[in-house]
Amino acid sequence: MTRTWWLMQGEVRVGELREYGVDQPTFLCHFAPGPGWDGVSGLFEAWAAGAGV
């Protein structure tokens, strides 16, 4: 069974996580940007830069 989660900011869908596997306790997902992605993408890019990703 494949699950899908929406990432929301208020009423705006930022993106969607689509499960492709499980490695307990972690769900493995693909990310697809949504209509609100442009407004928050800088936050995720800053986090990734700080985390060395």
Protein backbone atom coordinates (compact mmCIF):
# COMPACT_ATOMS: atom_id res chain seq x y z
CA MET A 1 0.00 0.00 0.00
CA THR A 2 1.45 3.37 -1.04
CA ARG A 3 0.66 6.37 1.11
CA THR A 4 0.70 10.06 0.25
CA TRP A 5 1.02 13.01 2.63
CA TRP A 6 0.47 16.67 1.82
CA LEU A 7 2.77 19.25 3.38
CA MET A 8 0.62 22.24 4.22
CA GLN A 9 1.23 25.82 5.34
CA GLY A 10 -2.18 27.00 6.45
CA GLU A 11 -4.48 26.27 3.52
CA VAL A 12 -1.67 26.16 0.92
CA ARG A 13 -0.21 22.86 -0.23
CA VAL A 14 3.59 23.22 -0.17
CA GLY A 15 4.29 19.74 -1.51
CA GLU A 16 3.49 16.08 -1.47
CA LEU A 17 5.37 13.10 -0.03
CA ARG A 18 4.80 9.80 -1.83
CA GLU A 19 5.93 6.71 0.04
CA TYR A 20 8.05 4.20 -1.87
CA GLY A 21 9.31 2.08 1.01
CA VAL A 22 9.82 1.68 4.74
CA ASP A 23 13.07 1.20 6.65
CA GLN A 24 11.72 1.20 10.22
CA PRO A 25 11.37 3.62 11.81
CA THR A 26 11.72 5.73 8.63
CA PHE A 27 9.27 6.11 5.77
CA LEU A 28 11.08 6.54 2.43
CA CYS A 29 9.35 9.13 0.24
CA HIS A 30 9.68 11.06 -2.99
CA PHE A 31 8.88 14.77 -2.82
CA ALA A 32 6.82 16.64 -5.41
CA PRO A 33 6.56 20.44 -5.06
CA GLY A 34 3.10 21.95 -4.79
CA PRO A 35 1.63 25.38 -5.51
CA GLY A 36 3.14 26.90 -2.33
CA TRP A 37 6.68 25.60 -2.86
CA ASP A 38 8.16 28.88 -4.16
CA GLY A 39 7.26 30.62 -0.91
CA VAL A 40 9.18 28.17 1.30
CA SER A 41 11.87 26.64 -0.91
CA GLY A 42 14.50 29.05 0.47
CA LEU A 43 13.95 27.65 3.98
CA PHE A 44 14.61 24.08 2.79
CA GLU A 45 17.65 25.15 0.76
CA ALA A 46 19.13 26.95 3.80
CA TRP A 47 18.56 23.89 5.97
CA ALA A 48 20.19 21.60 3.39
CA ALA A 49 23.22 23.94 3.11
CA GLY A 50 23.59 24.06 6.89
CA ALA A 51 23.27 20.30 7.19
CA GLY A 52 25.90 19.73 4.51
CA VAL A 53 23.43 17.98 2.21
